[in-house]
Amino acid sequence: MIETKIRAMKWRYFRQHAFFGIVRLSALIIAAALGGLLFYIIVNGIGAISWDFITKPPTDSMTKGGIMPAIVGTIYLTVGAIAIGLPLGVVSAIYLTEYARQGRIIRIIKIGINCLAGVPSVVFGLFGLGFFVVFLKFGSSILAGSLTLGFLIMPTIIGAAEEALKAVPQTFREASLALGVSKWQTTLRIVLPAALPGILTGSILGIGRAAGETAPIMFTAAAYFTTKLPGSLFDEVMALPYHIYVLATAGTNIEQTRPLQYGTVLVLVALVLGIDLIAIVIRSYMRKQKRW
């Protein structure tokens, strides 16, 4: 009997260590793949990075010069997407979590949101082309591109905001309502501030996706080539993802522009990481302010 228990304990011990070994190996493989990818990009792109590359527009059929208009356009589109997607996503999550009567209709809506999160970005691009560019007559512009990207990242933000709101203890709501505070004030001043760090997590994911998408802006905002910076929301812009696509597939001298391609990729990665880092710092600061 004792030997049977010992064998069972050894078997459980073996399974536990085998499981943790597989988890560690998986994490190591992912980290190695990411590190290898970044190393490859840095090695091939660092030679193209210079002050002129960052601050000047492309020249000579985009075989020389810099990528300043593409950097500015990417920042405009990303900020615009967050400015549109974040408020709408958070408000939608607040309604679904705090106000909507849970039932079949709400379950169907949530399933639809989850499905939208997995829809290919080219579908959102065609939607933006048909609705914002053609029907609303915004034309190919920053506004149309930002709206399209905002709708693209909205399902991700809604999902993250819902989970963050649900993580706030119910006692917070009950204590506030017991003191005579209205439902709206409780949500705005108690629940939402407590959930903000979790909401920012979804925003970080949205920032990365908005900055790196090519298909949506290809149909709604991106210009093939321009040396001018945008003067209004209705101007076309160059964007780093589309510029990479053009250099790699549609340029006149693809091999000649190979260093520029990797340099542009490196700048895009650095830009996304920089924006994400800012959001992570803000999230960490908010988490330190929490008292529960």
Protein backbone atom coordinates (compact mmCIF):
# COMPACT_ATOMS: atom_id res chain seq x y z
CA MET A 1 0.00 0.00 0.00
CA ILE A 2 2.78 2.38 0.95
CA GLU A 3 4.74 1.47 -2.19
CA THR A 4 1.66 2.21 -4.32
CA LYS A 5 1.33 5.67 -2.76
CA ILE A 6 5.03 6.33 -3.26
CA ARG A 7 4.79 5.37 -6.94
CA ALA A 8 1.73 7.59 -7.34
CA MET A 9 3.56 10.51 -5.73
CA LYS A 10 6.58 9.96 -7.96
CA TRP A 11 4.33 9.86 -11.02
CA ARG A 12 2.62 13.13 -10.01
CA TYR A 13 6.02 14.67 -9.31
CA PHE A 14 7.25 13.57 -12.75
CA ARG A 15 4.15 14.92 -14.53
CA GLN A 16 4.45 18.23 -12.71
CA HIS A 17 8.10 18.69 -13.67
CA ALA A 18 7.41 17.55 -17.23
CA PHE A 19 4.61 20.09 -17.56
CA PHE A 20 6.72 22.96 -16.21
CA GLY A 21 9.58 21.84 -18.45
CA ILE A 22 7.33 22.06 -21.53
CA VAL A 23 6.11 25.52 -20.44
CA ARG A 24 9.67 26.76 -19.94
CA LEU A 25 10.74 25.32 -23.29
CA SER A 26 7.80 26.99 -25.05
CA ALA A 27 8.63 30.34 -23.47
CA LEU A 28 12.27 29.92 -24.45
CA ILE A 29 11.37 29.11 -28.06
CA ILE A 30 9.11 32.17 -28.29
CA ALA A 31 11.75 34.43 -26.73
CA ALA A 32 14.43 33.02 -29.04
CA ALA A 33 12.24 33.53 -32.12
CA LEU A 34 11.47 37.12 -31.10
CA GLY A 35 15.10 37.83 -30.29
CA GLY A 36 16.25 36.33 -33.58
CA LEU A 37 13.73 38.39 -35.54
CA LEU A 38 14.74 41.62 -33.82
CA PHE A 39 18.43 40.80 -34.27
CA TYR A 40 17.90 40.15 -38.00
CA ILE A 41 16.02 43.43 -38.44
CA ILE A 42 18.59 45.44 -36.49
CA VAL A 43 21.58 43.94 -38.32
CA ASN A 44 20.06 44.60 -41.75
CA GLY A 45 18.45 47.95 -40.96
CA ILE A 46 20.85 49.79 -38.69
CA GLY A 47 23.05 50.80 -41.60
CA ALA A 48 20.23 52.83 -43.15
CA ILE A 49 19.45 54.77 -39.98
CA SER A 50 20.70 58.34 -40.01
CA TRP A 51 19.46 61.81 -39.19
CA ASP A 52 18.64 62.47 -42.84
CA PHE A 53 16.77 59.15 -43.06
CA ILE A 54 14.56 60.18 -40.13
CA THR A 55 14.01 63.83 -41.06
CA LYS A 56 13.85 63.98 -44.86
CA PRO A 57 11.32 62.76 -47.46
CA PRO A 58 12.10 60.09 -50.07
CA THR A 59 13.87 61.14 -53.24
CA ASP A 60 14.84 59.62 -56.61
CA SER A 61 11.74 57.42 -56.96
CA MET A 62 12.04 56.46 -53.27
CA THR A 63 15.46 54.86 -53.78
CA LYS A 64 17.15 57.53 -51.63
CA GLY A 65 16.25 60.07 -48.98
CA GLY A 66 14.29 59.47 -45.82
CA ILE A 67 10.92 58.49 -44.43
CA MET A 68 9.79 61.58 -42.50
CA PRO A 69 6.33 61.82 -44.16
CA ALA A 70 5.70 58.13 -43.44
CA ILE A 71 6.65 58.52 -39.76
CA VAL A 72 4.34 61.51 -39.33
CA GLY A 73 1.52 59.76 -41.18
CA THR A 74 1.83 56.64 -39.03
CA ILE A 75 1.70 58.71 -35.84
CA TYR A 76 -1.37 60.60 -37.07
CA LEU A 77 -3.20 57.41 -38.02
CA THR A 78 -2.30 55.61 -34.79
CA VAL A 79 -3.29 58.50 -32.54
CA GLY A 80 -6.48 58.97 -34.54
CA ALA A 81 -7.34 55.27 -34.23
CA ILE A 82 -6.85 55.33 -30.47
CA ALA A 83 -8.81 58.58 -30.14
CA ILE A 84 -11.74 56.92 -31.93
CA GLY A 85 -11.48 53.30 -30.81
CA LEU A 86 -10.66 53.80 -27.11
CA PRO A 87 -13.63 55.98 -26.06
CA LEU A 88 -16.15 54.00 -28.12
CA GLY A 89 -14.72 50.70 -26.91
CA VAL A 90 -14.75 51.72 -23.24
CA VAL A 91 -18.28 53.15 -23.43
CA SER A 92 -19.49 49.96 -25.13
CA ALA A 93 -17.83 47.82 -22.46
CA ILE A 94 -19.36 49.92 -19.68
CA TYR A 95 -22.84 49.47 -21.16
CA LEU A 96 -22.43 45.73 -21.70
CA THR A 97 -21.01 45.18 -18.21
CA GLU A 98 -22.77 47.70 -15.98
CA TYR A 99 -26.10 48.55 -17.61
CA ALA A 100 -27.25 45.94 -20.12
CA ARG A 101 -29.66 43.31 -18.87
CA GLN A 102 -27.84 40.03 -19.40
CA GLY A 103 -29.74 37.77 -21.77
CA ARG A 104 -29.73 36.17 -25.19
CA ILE A 105 -29.37 39.43 -27.10
CA ILE A 106 -26.35 40.55 -25.07
CA ARG A 107 -24.75 37.12 -25.48
CA ILE A 108 -25.22 37.39 -29.25
CA ILE A 109 -23.68 40.87 -29.22
CA LYS A 110 -20.66 39.62 -27.27
CA ILE A 111 -20.23 36.70 -29.67
CA GLY A 112 -20.34 39.18 -32.55
CA ILE A 113 -17.67 41.33 -30.90
CA ASN A 114 -15.43 38.30 -30.41
CA CYS A 115 -15.94 37.34 -34.05
CA LEU A 116 -15.04 40.86 -35.18
CA ALA A 117 -11.74 40.61 -33.28
CA GLY A 118 -10.76 37.76 -35.61
CA VAL A 119 -11.92 39.28 -38.89
CA PRO A 120 -9.03 39.84 -41.35
CA SER A 121 -7.90 43.44 -41.53
CA VAL A 122 -8.50 43.57 -45.29
CA VAL A 123 -12.23 43.21 -44.61
CA PHE A 124 -12.11 46.31 -42.41
CA GLY A 125 -10.21 48.04 -45.17
CA LEU A 126 -12.92 47.27 -47.73
CA PHE A 127 -15.55 48.39 -45.24
CA GLY A 128 -13.70 51.67 -44.74
CA LEU A 129 -13.37 52.13 -48.48
CA GLY A 130 -17.06 51.57 -49.11
CA PHE A 131 -18.44 53.47 -46.12
CA PHE A 132 -16.02 56.24 -45.14
CA VAL A 133 -14.27 56.93 -48.45
CA VAL A 134 -17.16 56.47 -50.91
CA PHE A 135 -20.47 56.73 -49.03
CA LEU A 136 -19.52 59.49 -46.55
CA LYS A 137 -17.23 61.06 -49.18
CA PHE A 138 -14.26 61.54 -46.86
CA GLY A 139 -11.98 60.43 -49.67
CA SER A 140 -8.64 58.79 -49.07
CA SER A 141 -7.63 60.71 -45.96
CA ILE A 142 -6.35 60.61 -42.39
CA LEU A 143 -9.94 60.77 -41.15
CA ALA A 144 -11.08 57.76 -43.17
CA GLY A 145 -7.97 55.77 -42.20
CA SER A 146 -8.27 56.63 -38.51
CA LEU A 147 -11.95 55.67 -38.44
CA THR A 148 -11.20 52.37 -40.15
CA LEU A 149 -8.33 51.56 -37.78
CA GLY A 150 -10.47 52.67 -34.83
CA PHE A 151 -13.17 50.16 -35.75
CA LEU A 152 -10.46 47.55 -36.35
CA ILE A 153 -9.07 47.76 -32.80
CA MET A 154 -12.40 48.38 -31.07
CA PRO A 155 -13.27 44.69 -30.47
CA THR A 156 -9.92 44.15 -28.73
CA ILE A 157 -10.46 47.19 -26.52
CA ILE A 158 -14.05 46.16 -25.70
CA GLY A 159 -12.91 42.69 -24.65
CA ALA A 160 -10.09 43.99 -22.46
CA ALA A 161 -12.29 46.71 -20.92
CA GLU A 162 -15.03 44.19 -20.11
CA GLU A 163 -12.60 41.94 -18.26
CA ALA A 164 -11.12 44.91 -16.42
CA LEU A 165 -14.56 46.13 -15.31
CA LYS A 166 -15.57 42.65 -14.17
CA ALA A 167 -12.38 42.43 -12.09
CA VAL A 168 -13.43 45.41 -9.96
CA PRO A 169 -14.89 43.98 -6.71
CA GLN A 170 -18.67 44.12 -6.52
CA THR A 171 -18.37 45.52 -2.98
CA PHE A 172 -17.06 48.78 -4.49
CA ARG A 173 -20.34 49.25 -6.33
CA GLU A 174 -22.48 48.18 -3.38
CA ALA A 175 -20.70 50.50 -0.94
CA SER A 176 -21.03 53.47 -3.30
CA LEU A 177 -24.71 52.83 -4.00
CA ALA A 178 -25.37 52.36 -0.27
CA LEU A 179 -24.06 55.88 0.34
CA GLY A 180 -26.64 57.28 -2.08
CA VAL A 181 -24.34 57.77 -5.06
CA SER A 182 -26.07 57.33 -8.40
CA LYS A 183 -25.31 54.43 -10.73
CA TRP A 184 -23.62 56.69 -13.27
CA GLN A 185 -21.43 58.43 -10.68
CA THR A 186 -20.47 55.06 -9.21
CA THR A 187 -19.41 53.82 -12.63
CA LEU A 188 -17.58 57.03 -13.54
CA ARG A 189 -15.78 57.76 -10.26
CA ILE A 190 -15.38 54.35 -8.61
CA VAL A 191 -15.49 51.51 -11.13
CA LEU A 192 -13.82 53.12 -14.15
CA PRO A 193 -10.72 54.47 -12.34
CA ALA A 194 -10.17 51.07 -10.71
CA ALA A 195 -10.43 49.35 -14.11
CA LEU A 196 -8.22 51.77 -16.06
CA PRO A 197 -4.96 49.76 -15.81
CA GLY A 198 -6.68 46.74 -17.34
CA ILE A 199 -8.31 48.88 -20.01
CA LEU A 200 -4.91 50.28 -20.95
CA THR A 201 -3.69 46.73 -21.50
CA GLY A 202 -6.20 46.35 -24.32
CA SER A 203 -5.23 49.77 -25.61
CA ILE A 204 -1.59 48.71 -25.82
CA LEU A 205 -2.56 45.74 -27.98
CA GLY A 206 -4.68 48.06 -30.12
CA ILE A 207 -1.82 50.53 -30.56
CA GLY A 208 0.47 47.82 -31.88
CA ARG A 209 -2.10 46.55 -34.33
CA ALA A 210 -3.17 50.00 -35.53
CA ALA A 211 0.41 51.11 -36.18
CA GLY A 212 1.38 47.96 -38.07
CA GLU A 213 -1.63 47.31 -40.31
CA THR A 214 -1.27 47.76 -44.05
CA ALA A 215 -4.52 46.58 -45.68
CA PRO A 216 -6.93 49.03 -43.99
CA ILE A 217 -4.87 52.13 -44.76
CA MET A 218 -4.06 50.93 -48.26
CA PHE A 219 -7.71 51.49 -49.20
CA THR A 220 -8.51 54.49 -47.03
CA ALA A 221 -5.55 56.74 -46.27
CA ALA A 222 -2.13 55.79 -47.61
CA ALA A 223 -0.47 57.65 -50.44
CA TYR A 224 2.04 55.91 -52.69
CA PHE A 225 4.41 58.87 -52.56
CA THR A 226 4.27 62.42 -51.26
CA THR A 227 6.86 64.83 -49.93
CA LYS A 228 4.32 67.05 -48.14
CA LEU A 229 3.20 66.66 -44.58
CA PRO A 230 -0.59 66.56 -44.08
CA GLY A 231 -2.29 69.88 -43.50
CA SER A 232 -5.76 68.62 -42.53
CA LEU A 233 -7.70 65.47 -41.65
CA PHE A 234 -8.78 65.14 -45.29
CA ASP A 235 -5.25 64.80 -46.70
CA GLU A 236 -3.63 61.57 -47.79
CA VAL A 237 -0.51 60.49 -45.92
CA MET A 238 2.35 58.13 -46.34
CA ALA A 239 2.54 55.43 -43.67
CA LEU A 240 5.37 53.16 -42.61
CA PRO A 241 3.58 49.80 -43.16
CA TYR A 242 2.42 50.74 -46.65
CA HIS A 243 5.79 52.32 -47.47
CA ILE A 244 7.48 49.02 -46.56
CA TYR A 245 5.05 47.18 -48.82
CA VAL A 246 5.74 49.58 -51.69
CA LEU A 247 9.52 49.35 -51.32
CA ALA A 248 9.44 45.55 -51.13
CA THR A 249 6.96 44.80 -53.93
CA ALA A 250 6.12 47.75 -56.13
CA GLY A 251 9.29 49.82 -56.29
CA THR A 252 11.31 50.34 -59.44
CA ASN A 253 14.57 49.17 -57.84
CA ILE A 254 13.61 46.65 -55.17
CA GLU A 255 17.13 45.29 -54.59
CA GLN A 256 18.60 48.77 -54.46
CA THR A 257 16.12 49.80 -51.77
CA ARG A 258 16.68 46.69 -49.63
CA PRO A 259 18.59 48.60 -46.90
CA LEU A 260 15.84 51.22 -46.87
CA GLN A 261 13.24 48.49 -46.41
CA TYR A 262 14.95 47.09 -43.34
CA GLY A 263 15.63 50.58 -42.02
CA THR A 264 11.94 51.44 -42.35
CA VAL A 265 10.97 48.21 -40.59
CA LEU A 266 13.36 49.03 -37.77
CA VAL A 267 11.89 52.52 -37.38
CA LEU A 268 8.34 51.08 -37.36
CA VAL A 269 9.26 48.53 -34.68
CA ALA A 270 10.95 51.24 -32.59
CA LEU A 271 7.94 53.55 -33.01
CA VAL A 272 5.46 50.86 -31.92
CA LEU A 273 7.63 49.84 -28.97
CA GLY A 274 8.01 53.49 -27.96
CA ILE A 275 4.27 54.13 -28.00
CA ASP A 276 3.65 50.86 -26.15
CA LEU A 277 6.28 51.78 -23.56
CA ILE A 278 4.55 55.06 -22.84
CA ALA A 279 1.25 53.24 -22.35
CA ILE A 280 2.93 50.63 -20.12
CA VAL A 281 4.47 53.34 -17.93
CA ILE A 282 1.07 55.03 -17.56
CA ARG A 283 -0.54 51.69 -16.70
CA SER A 284 2.13 50.88 -14.12
CA TYR A 285 1.69 54.28 -12.49
CA MET A 286 -2.08 53.77 -12.28
CA ARG A 287 -1.65 50.32 -10.78
CA LYS A 288 0.54 51.79 -8.03
CA GLN A 289 -2.24 54.23 -7.20
CA LYS A 290 -4.74 51.42 -6.59
CA ARG A 291 -5.48 50.62 -2.99
CA TRP A 292 -7.01 47.20 -3.36
